[in-house]
Each structure stands twice: as structure tokens, then as C-alpha cells.
Amino acid sequence: MFTPEGVDFQIAKLRLDLGTGELSMDPRQRLELWYHWARLAILHMQDAGRTRGAMVGSMSSNHVPGVKVALMRETMSVMQCMTCAAFSIESFSLAVQEHLPPNRHPNGKSTAARIMERLAGGFRIGNQSRLILKKPLRNLFKARNRVVHPPYEFESVGPHPVAKYLVDWHQRNFHLDNARQSVAMLRSLYRDLPRLARQDVAGLPDLVGKMRRLSHRLDAIGRGRLIW
């Protein structure tokens, strides 16, 4: 049986027939996708960093085709990085919600607002921390929504922050700095939240233990020490 990192294992319907001695069971698994989405976000951020290096090299040698290719590749890598980061945070917040009583389930209108409510239900997140997280979360899910539900319309162009070409909204916003900010928010959440876990939420300690076991692997990937 294949049991990768982030998998919970459970045996259900265990039955022993006392007459025949026959043993039957129903092995089950549950994969914590928030962890794997985070890994993907970090890997795509690393790809964007390598592409940025190629872009700068092409700019210094005035190789225009190389700049344009690298610019688009950076956009695609960062688009995947930020989308994966959003998937990771939303998936994690839903894992937290599984341990919350129904009367503490979120009712916020936006995805970012619902995520914040879920996290606050399981962890002691103060007002100051909420204010700090509010804007980055909102921006991340705005970017995610622009990819998942792209508006099919013409929009004004603007300068890319590095290449200086006039580009569309996606190429202006899906660039390396925003990828790094998204991954930094992921690492901060998964590193800091365990010590803020609410003691009155049943079942949450198991999730917190998993966060602690897996967070060092995410850090290792971020430092380039572990590719997969």
C-alpha cells in the first residue's frame, strides 16, 4: 500500500470470524492536500526565480526574444505558484473547519473572509494579526480568481515591473515578488499557527501535530534541499 507524506491511515470494519478465523478489514486513507499544494507553490516559485535570472540575463545582452520568452515563462510559473498557495490555504482552512462545531462555521461572503473565520475558530489569531493577514489573503484570492474565472474582456496595459514592456494585468501581477510573498505567507501560517491552537477544539491537536511534522519539509524545499 502506497502511503505518501501527509496521509492518514485508518482501518474500518475490522471483523474476525471466530468460526473460521477469517480476518476482514477495510483499509482507508486520507490525503492532506494542503501540504502538497504548498510544496507545489514553493517549487513553482523556484522555477520563477530561475526564469527571472534568464530574463535579466537576456536584458543585459539586449536579447529581445529571450526577454519575451522569459517574461511569459515567469508569468506562467508565478500563476501556478500563487494558485497553488491559494489552494493550500483554502484546503487547510477546510481541514480546520472539520474540527469546529457547526455554530462556528464561517458565513463570510468572500473566500478570504471565510478562510479567516475558519482559522480564527481553530487558532487564537488576534485582531492585529487579522489585519496583517487580511490584505495579503484578499490579494491572493483575487489573483486566484482571475486565473480560475478569467474575465474575457480587453483591459488597459501597463509596464511590467522588471522587463518594462507594456503587458496585461496577469503579466503585471504574476511576477516573482508576488510569488515570494505568497510563499512567505504560507510558511508563516504553517510555522506559527501550531503554537496558537485553541485547546477547546476537539481533534485539532492531531492536525497541529501533522503541521509540526511536515513544516520542516516545506522549509527544506524552500531552501532547495529537497525537490520532492
C-alpha atoms as a PDB file:
ATOM      1  CA  MET A   1       0.000   0.000   0.000  1.00  0.00           C
ATOM      2  CA  PHE A   2       1.378   3.411  -1.013  1.00  0.00           C
ATOM      3  CA  THR A   3       1.299   5.896   1.890  1.00  0.00           C
ATOM      4  CA  PRO A   4       2.989   9.191   0.931  1.00  0.00           C
ATOM      5  CA  GLU A   5       3.659  12.086   3.277  1.00  0.00           C
ATOM      6  CA  GLY A   6       0.550  13.789   4.557  1.00  0.00           C
ATOM      7  CA  VAL A   7      -1.577  10.626   4.507  1.00  0.00           C
ATOM      8  CA  ASP A   8      -3.700   9.430   7.415  1.00  0.00           C
ATOM      9  CA  PHE A   9      -4.326   5.684   7.594  1.00  0.00           C
ATOM     10  CA  GLN A  10      -7.377   4.078   9.124  1.00  0.00           C
ATOM     11  CA  ILE A  11      -8.734   0.531   9.346  1.00  0.00           C
ATOM     12  CA  ALA A  12     -12.517   0.339   9.277  1.00  0.00           C
ATOM     13  CA  LYS A  13     -14.930  -2.590   9.508  1.00  0.00           C
ATOM     14  CA  LEU A  14     -12.396  -4.850  11.176  1.00  0.00           C
ATOM     15  CA  ARG A  15     -14.039  -8.262  11.582  1.00  0.00           C
ATOM     16  CA  LEU A  16     -12.767 -11.591  12.887  1.00  0.00           C
ATOM     17  CA  ASP A  17     -14.908 -14.665  12.225  1.00  0.00           C
ATOM     18  CA  LEU A  18     -14.436 -16.817  15.331  1.00  0.00           C
ATOM     19  CA  GLY A  19     -15.682 -19.858  13.490  1.00  0.00           C
ATOM     20  CA  THR A  20     -13.304 -19.771  10.524  1.00  0.00           C
ATOM     21  CA  GLY A  21     -10.630 -17.476  11.906  1.00  0.00           C
ATOM     22  CA  GLU A  22     -11.020 -15.315   8.811  1.00  0.00           C
ATOM     23  CA  LEU A  23      -9.999 -11.662   9.262  1.00  0.00           C
ATOM     24  CA  SER A  24     -11.518  -8.930   7.094  1.00  0.00           C
ATOM     25  CA  MET A  25     -10.958  -5.199   7.074  1.00  0.00           C
ATOM     26  CA  ASP A  26     -11.474  -2.029   5.056  1.00  0.00           C
ATOM     27  CA  PRO A  27      -8.198  -0.026   4.945  1.00  0.00           C
ATOM     28  CA  ARG A  28      -8.746   3.678   4.242  1.00  0.00           C
ATOM     29  CA  GLN A  29      -6.561   6.696   3.596  1.00  0.00           C
ATOM     30  CA  ARG A  30      -6.986  10.465   3.718  1.00  0.00           C
ATOM     31  CA  LEU A  31      -4.524  12.760   1.965  1.00  0.00           C
ATOM     32  CA  GLU A  32      -3.785  16.205   3.416  1.00  0.00           C
ATOM     33  CA  LEU A  33      -3.738  18.141   0.157  1.00  0.00           C
ATOM     34  CA  TRP A  34      -2.894  21.472   1.819  1.00  0.00           C
ATOM     35  CA  TYR A  35       0.637  20.186   2.347  1.00  0.00           C
ATOM     36  CA  HIS A  36       1.146  19.060  -1.244  1.00  0.00           C
ATOM     37  CA  TRP A  37      -0.332  22.271  -2.662  1.00  0.00           C
ATOM     38  CA  ALA A  38       2.198  24.146  -0.510  1.00  0.00           C
ATOM     39  CA  ARG A  39       5.037  22.029  -1.908  1.00  0.00           C
ATOM     40  CA  LEU A  40       3.892  22.804  -5.442  1.00  0.00           C
ATOM     41  CA  ALA A  41       3.706  26.524  -4.663  1.00  0.00           C
ATOM     42  CA  ILE A  42       7.320  26.504  -3.448  1.00  0.00           C
ATOM     43  CA  LEU A  43       8.543  24.530  -6.465  1.00  0.00           C
ATOM     44  CA  HIS A  44       6.826  26.907  -8.906  1.00  0.00           C
ATOM     45  CA  MET A  45       8.307  29.882  -7.028  1.00  0.00           C
ATOM     46  CA  GLN A  46      11.756  28.349  -7.539  1.00  0.00           C
ATOM     47  CA  ASP A  47      11.007  27.939 -11.254  1.00  0.00           C
ATOM     48  CA  ALA A  48      10.005  31.601 -11.413  1.00  0.00           C
ATOM     49  CA  GLY A  49      13.269  32.584  -9.744  1.00  0.00           C
ATOM     50  CA  ARG A  50      15.306  30.708 -12.359  1.00  0.00           C
ATOM     51  CA  THR A  51      13.260  32.273 -15.139  1.00  0.00           C
ATOM     52  CA  ARG A  52      13.790  35.749 -13.696  1.00  0.00           C
ATOM     53  CA  GLY A  53      17.522  35.123 -13.839  1.00  0.00           C
ATOM     54  CA  ALA A  54      17.208  34.217 -17.522  1.00  0.00           C
ATOM     55  CA  MET A  55      15.148  37.357 -18.134  1.00  0.00           C
ATOM     56  CA  VAL A  56      17.723  39.635 -16.518  1.00  0.00           C
ATOM     57  CA  GLY A  57      20.499  37.925 -18.480  1.00  0.00           C
ATOM     58  CA  SER A  58      18.645  38.479 -21.754  1.00  0.00           C
ATOM     59  CA  MET A  59      18.003  42.111 -20.848  1.00  0.00           C
ATOM     60  CA  SER A  60      21.686  42.756 -20.122  1.00  0.00           C
ATOM     61  CA  SER A  61      22.627  41.363 -23.544  1.00  0.00           C
ATOM     62  CA  ASN A  62      19.737  43.134 -25.297  1.00  0.00           C
ATOM     63  CA  HIS A  63      18.361  39.800 -26.492  1.00  0.00           C
ATOM     64  CA  VAL A  64      14.745  40.842 -27.004  1.00  0.00           C
ATOM     65  CA  PRO A  65      13.329  37.388 -27.962  1.00  0.00           C
ATOM     66  CA  GLY A  66      14.900  35.904 -24.819  1.00  0.00           C
ATOM     67  CA  VAL A  67      13.330  38.605 -22.648  1.00  0.00           C
ATOM     68  CA  LYS A  68       9.881  37.992 -24.094  1.00  0.00           C
ATOM     69  CA  VAL A  69      10.102  34.209 -23.678  1.00  0.00           C
ATOM     70  CA  ALA A  70      11.352  34.530 -20.085  1.00  0.00           C
ATOM     71  CA  LEU A  71       8.665  37.074 -19.259  1.00  0.00           C
ATOM     72  CA  MET A  72       5.895  34.709 -20.310  1.00  0.00           C
ATOM     73  CA  ARG A  73       7.505  31.757 -18.562  1.00  0.00           C
ATOM     74  CA  GLU A  74       7.759  33.761 -15.350  1.00  0.00           C
ATOM     75  CA  THR A  75       4.088  34.673 -15.639  1.00  0.00           C
ATOM     76  CA  MET A  76       3.099  31.013 -16.020  1.00  0.00           C
ATOM     77  CA  SER A  77       5.293  29.857 -13.120  1.00  0.00           C
ATOM     78  CA  VAL A  78       4.020  32.566 -10.782  1.00  0.00           C
ATOM     79  CA  MET A  79       0.431  31.944 -11.852  1.00  0.00           C
ATOM     80  CA  GLN A  80       0.853  28.312 -10.792  1.00  0.00           C
ATOM     81  CA  CYS A  81       2.685  29.285  -7.596  1.00  0.00           C
ATOM     82  CA  MET A  82       0.010  31.701  -6.391  1.00  0.00           C
ATOM     83  CA  THR A  83      -2.864  29.429  -7.407  1.00  0.00           C
ATOM     84  CA  CYS A  84      -1.284  26.513  -5.527  1.00  0.00           C
ATOM     85  CA  ALA A  85      -0.718  28.751  -2.488  1.00  0.00           C
ATOM     86  CA  ALA A  86      -4.394  29.735  -2.509  1.00  0.00           C
ATOM     87  CA  PHE A  87      -5.459  26.090  -2.874  1.00  0.00           C
ATOM     88  CA  SER A  88      -3.201  25.150   0.048  1.00  0.00           C
ATOM     89  CA  ILE A  89      -4.603  27.769   2.419  1.00  0.00           C
ATOM     90  CA  GLU A  90      -8.208  27.042   1.476  1.00  0.00           C
ATOM     91  CA  SER A  91      -7.672  23.283   1.815  1.00  0.00           C
ATOM     92  CA  PHE A  92      -6.028  23.765   5.203  1.00  0.00           C
ATOM     93  CA  SER A  93      -8.848  26.004   6.426  1.00  0.00           C
ATOM     94  CA  LEU A  94     -11.384  23.333   5.461  1.00  0.00           C
ATOM     95  CA  ALA A  95      -9.362  20.774   7.453  1.00  0.00           C
ATOM     96  CA  VAL A  96      -9.631  23.132  10.446  1.00  0.00           C
ATOM     97  CA  GLN A  97     -13.376  23.524   9.883  1.00  0.00           C
ATOM     98  CA  GLU A  98     -13.836  19.755  10.201  1.00  0.00           C
ATOM     99  CA  HIS A  99     -12.970  20.127  13.895  1.00  0.00           C
ATOM    100  CA  LEU A 100     -15.228  23.135  14.537  1.00  0.00           C
ATOM    101  CA  PRO A 101     -18.820  22.837  15.804  1.00  0.00           C
ATOM    102  CA  PRO A 102     -21.487  23.826  13.239  1.00  0.00           C
ATOM    103  CA  ASN A 103     -22.245  27.097  15.028  1.00  0.00           C
ATOM    104  CA  ARG A 104     -18.645  28.190  14.416  1.00  0.00           C
ATOM    105  CA  HIS A 105     -18.635  27.533  10.675  1.00  0.00           C
ATOM    106  CA  PRO A 106     -17.945  30.685   8.637  1.00  0.00           C
ATOM    107  CA  ASN A 107     -20.554  32.767   6.879  1.00  0.00           C
ATOM    108  CA  GLY A 108     -18.315  35.413   5.289  1.00  0.00           C
ATOM    109  CA  LYS A 109     -19.160  36.489   1.772  1.00  0.00           C
ATOM    110  CA  SER A 110     -15.685  36.218   0.220  1.00  0.00           C
ATOM    111  CA  THR A 111     -13.427  33.162   0.189  1.00  0.00           C
ATOM    112  CA  ALA A 112     -10.709  35.086   2.028  1.00  0.00           C
ATOM    113  CA  ALA A 113     -13.191  36.144   4.738  1.00  0.00           C
ATOM    114  CA  ARG A 114     -14.417  32.559   5.223  1.00  0.00           C
ATOM    115  CA  ILE A 115     -10.856  31.293   5.468  1.00  0.00           C
ATOM    116  CA  MET A 116     -10.035  33.879   8.122  1.00  0.00           C
ATOM    117  CA  GLU A 117     -13.089  32.852  10.132  1.00  0.00           C
ATOM    118  CA  ARG A 118     -12.128  29.185   9.967  1.00  0.00           C
ATOM    119  CA  LEU A 119      -8.566  29.886  11.078  1.00  0.00           C
ATOM    120  CA  ALA A 120      -9.761  32.136  13.899  1.00  0.00           C
ATOM    121  CA  GLY A 121     -12.117  29.369  15.018  1.00  0.00           C
ATOM    122  CA  GLY A 122      -9.242  26.945  15.499  1.00  0.00           C
ATOM    123  CA  PHE A 123      -6.412  29.286  16.457  1.00  0.00           C
ATOM    124  CA  ARG A 124      -6.012  32.316  18.697  1.00  0.00           C
ATOM    125  CA  ILE A 125      -5.498  34.920  15.978  1.00  0.00           C
ATOM    126  CA  GLY A 126      -5.630  38.417  17.476  1.00  0.00           C
ATOM    127  CA  ASN A 127      -7.087  41.490  15.830  1.00  0.00           C
ATOM    128  CA  GLN A 128      -3.653  42.793  14.834  1.00  0.00           C
ATOM    129  CA  SER A 129      -2.773  39.514  13.110  1.00  0.00           C
ATOM    130  CA  ARG A 130      -6.109  39.536  11.321  1.00  0.00           C
ATOM    131  CA  LEU A 131      -5.372  42.997   9.967  1.00  0.00           C
ATOM    132  CA  ILE A 132      -1.936  41.874   8.803  1.00  0.00           C
ATOM    133  CA  LEU A 133      -3.353  38.794   7.045  1.00  0.00           C
ATOM    134  CA  LYS A 134      -6.466  40.401   5.596  1.00  0.00           C
ATOM    135  CA  LYS A 135      -4.915  42.250   2.661  1.00  0.00           C
ATOM    136  CA  PRO A 136      -2.453  39.507   1.544  1.00  0.00           C
ATOM    137  CA  LEU A 137      -5.233  36.907   1.687  1.00  0.00           C
ATOM    138  CA  ARG A 138      -7.604  39.122  -0.268  1.00  0.00           C
ATOM    139  CA  ASN A 139      -4.950  39.830  -2.921  1.00  0.00           C
ATOM    140  CA  LEU A 140      -4.009  36.159  -3.203  1.00  0.00           C
ATOM    141  CA  PHE A 141      -7.580  35.035  -3.811  1.00  0.00           C
ATOM    142  CA  LYS A 142      -8.225  37.921  -6.177  1.00  0.00           C
ATOM    143  CA  ALA A 143      -5.294  36.635  -8.235  1.00  0.00           C
ATOM    144  CA  ARG A 144      -6.519  33.042  -7.927  1.00  0.00           C
ATOM    145  CA  ASN A 145      -9.988  34.021  -9.092  1.00  0.00           C
ATOM    146  CA  ARG A 146      -8.582  35.873 -12.093  1.00  0.00           C
ATOM    147  CA  VAL A 147      -6.991  32.586 -13.191  1.00  0.00           C
ATOM    148  CA  VAL A 148      -9.808  30.200 -12.341  1.00  0.00           C
ATOM    149  CA  HIS A 149     -12.551  32.581 -13.573  1.00  0.00           C
ATOM    150  CA  PRO A 150     -10.750  34.814 -16.099  1.00  0.00           C
ATOM    151  CA  PRO A 151     -12.667  37.817 -17.414  1.00  0.00           C
ATOM    152  CA  TYR A 152     -12.946  37.559 -21.178  1.00  0.00           C
ATOM    153  CA  GLU A 153     -12.522  41.233 -21.928  1.00  0.00           C
ATOM    154  CA  PHE A 154      -9.985  43.786 -23.104  1.00  0.00           C
ATOM    155  CA  GLU A 155      -8.139  45.690 -20.366  1.00  0.00           C
ATOM    156  CA  SER A 156      -5.634  48.516 -20.237  1.00  0.00           C
ATOM    157  CA  VAL A 157      -1.959  47.567 -20.415  1.00  0.00           C
ATOM    158  CA  GLY A 158       0.787  48.712 -18.051  1.00  0.00           C
ATOM    159  CA  PRO A 159       4.549  48.289 -17.543  1.00  0.00           C
ATOM    160  CA  HIS A 160       5.991  45.026 -16.246  1.00  0.00           C
ATOM    161  CA  PRO A 161       7.938  45.740 -13.020  1.00  0.00           C
ATOM    162  CA  VAL A 162      11.208  44.391 -14.455  1.00  0.00           C
ATOM    163  CA  ALA A 163      11.005  43.847 -18.212  1.00  0.00           C
ATOM    164  CA  LYS A 164       9.387  47.294 -18.743  1.00  0.00           C
ATOM    165  CA  TYR A 165       7.265  46.076 -21.639  1.00  0.00           C
ATOM    166  CA  LEU A 166       3.616  47.113 -21.660  1.00  0.00           C
ATOM    167  CA  VAL A 167       1.736  43.977 -20.651  1.00  0.00           C
ATOM    168  CA  ASP A 168      -1.708  42.871 -19.499  1.00  0.00           C
ATOM    169  CA  TRP A 169      -2.968  42.531 -15.898  1.00  0.00           C
ATOM    170  CA  HIS A 170      -1.766  38.955 -15.499  1.00  0.00           C
ATOM    171  CA  GLN A 171       1.811  39.647 -16.573  1.00  0.00           C
ATOM    172  CA  ARG A 172       1.942  42.727 -14.336  1.00  0.00           C
ATOM    173  CA  ASN A 173       0.715  40.850 -11.263  1.00  0.00           C
ATOM    174  CA  PHE A 174       2.043  37.306 -11.668  1.00  0.00           C
ATOM    175  CA  HIS A 175       5.712  38.161 -11.155  1.00  0.00           C
ATOM    176  CA  LEU A 176       8.430  36.809  -8.878  1.00  0.00           C
ATOM    177  CA  ASP A 177       7.972  39.242  -5.973  1.00  0.00           C
ATOM    178  CA  ASN A 178       4.308  38.294  -5.590  1.00  0.00           C
ATOM    179  CA  ALA A 179       5.212  34.598  -5.729  1.00  0.00           C
ATOM    180  CA  ARG A 180       7.706  35.111  -2.910  1.00  0.00           C
ATOM    181  CA  GLN A 181       5.136  36.982  -0.822  1.00  0.00           C
ATOM    182  CA  SER A 182       2.580  34.213  -1.286  1.00  0.00           C
ATOM    183  CA  VAL A 183       5.035  31.506  -0.234  1.00  0.00           C
ATOM    184  CA  ALA A 184       6.211  33.621   2.715  1.00  0.00           C
ATOM    185  CA  MET A 185       2.606  33.815   3.923  1.00  0.00           C
ATOM    186  CA  LEU A 186       2.276  30.023   3.611  1.00  0.00           C
ATOM    187  CA  ARG A 187       5.419  29.379   5.610  1.00  0.00           C
ATOM    188  CA  SER A 188       4.409  31.895   8.265  1.00  0.00           C
ATOM    189  CA  LEU A 189       0.980  30.302   8.696  1.00  0.00           C
ATOM    190  CA  TYR A 190       2.220  26.735   8.928  1.00  0.00           C
ATOM    191  CA  ARG A 191       5.114  27.678  11.211  1.00  0.00           C
ATOM    192  CA  ASP A 192       3.286  29.985  13.625  1.00  0.00           C
ATOM    193  CA  LEU A 193      -0.255  28.614  13.892  1.00  0.00           C
ATOM    194  CA  PRO A 194       0.558  25.437  15.892  1.00  0.00           C
ATOM    195  CA  ARG A 195       1.515  27.432  18.988  1.00  0.00           C
ATOM    196  CA  LEU A 196      -1.767  29.372  18.733  1.00  0.00           C
ATOM    197  CA  ALA A 197      -4.064  26.329  18.635  1.00  0.00           C
ATOM    198  CA  ARG A 198      -7.195  26.580  20.772  1.00  0.00           C
ATOM    199  CA  GLN A 199      -7.292  23.910  23.448  1.00  0.00           C
ATOM    200  CA  ASP A 200     -11.093  23.624  23.401  1.00  0.00           C
ATOM    201  CA  VAL A 201     -11.318  22.386  19.777  1.00  0.00           C
ATOM    202  CA  ALA A 202     -11.501  18.594  19.819  1.00  0.00           C
ATOM    203  CA  GLY A 203      -9.465  16.830  17.167  1.00  0.00           C
ATOM    204  CA  LEU A 204      -7.341  19.868  16.371  1.00  0.00           C
ATOM    205  CA  PRO A 205      -4.205  18.534  18.158  1.00  0.00           C
ATOM    206  CA  ASP A 206      -3.905  15.808  15.517  1.00  0.00           C
ATOM    207  CA  LEU A 207      -3.856  18.394  12.723  1.00  0.00           C
ATOM    208  CA  VAL A 208      -1.409  20.574  14.659  1.00  0.00           C
ATOM    209  CA  GLY A 209       0.908  17.596  15.163  1.00  0.00           C
ATOM    210  CA  LYS A 210       0.856  16.968  11.436  1.00  0.00           C
ATOM    211  CA  MET A 211       1.695  20.625  10.764  1.00  0.00           C
ATOM    212  CA  ARG A 212       4.727  20.368  13.019  1.00  0.00           C
ATOM    213  CA  ARG A 213       5.902  17.151  11.392  1.00  0.00           C
ATOM    214  CA  LEU A 214       5.591  18.483   7.864  1.00  0.00           C
ATOM    215  CA  SER A 215       6.606  22.138   8.260  1.00  0.00           C
ATOM    216  CA  HIS A 216      10.331  21.352   8.330  1.00  0.00           C
ATOM    217  CA  ARG A 217       9.959  19.570   4.977  1.00  0.00           C
ATOM    218  CA  LEU A 218       8.377  22.672   3.469  1.00  0.00           C
ATOM    219  CA  ASP A 219      11.283  24.745   4.779  1.00  0.00           C
ATOM    220  CA  ALA A 220      13.744  22.280   3.268  1.00  0.00           C
ATOM    221  CA  ILE A 221      12.042  22.502  -0.120  1.00  0.00           C
ATOM    222  CA  GLY A 222      12.105  26.291   0.125  1.00  0.00           C
ATOM    223  CA  ARG A 223      15.872  26.220   0.689  1.00  0.00           C
ATOM    224  CA  GLY A 224      16.317  23.935  -2.320  1.00  0.00           C
ATOM    225  CA  ARG A 225      17.475  20.983  -0.217  1.00  0.00           C
ATOM    226  CA  LEU A 226      14.601  18.727  -1.215  1.00  0.00           C
ATOM    227  CA  ILE A 227      12.986  18.740  -4.637  1.00  0.00           C
ATOM    228  CA  TRP A 228      10.185  16.240  -3.984  1.00  0.00           C
END
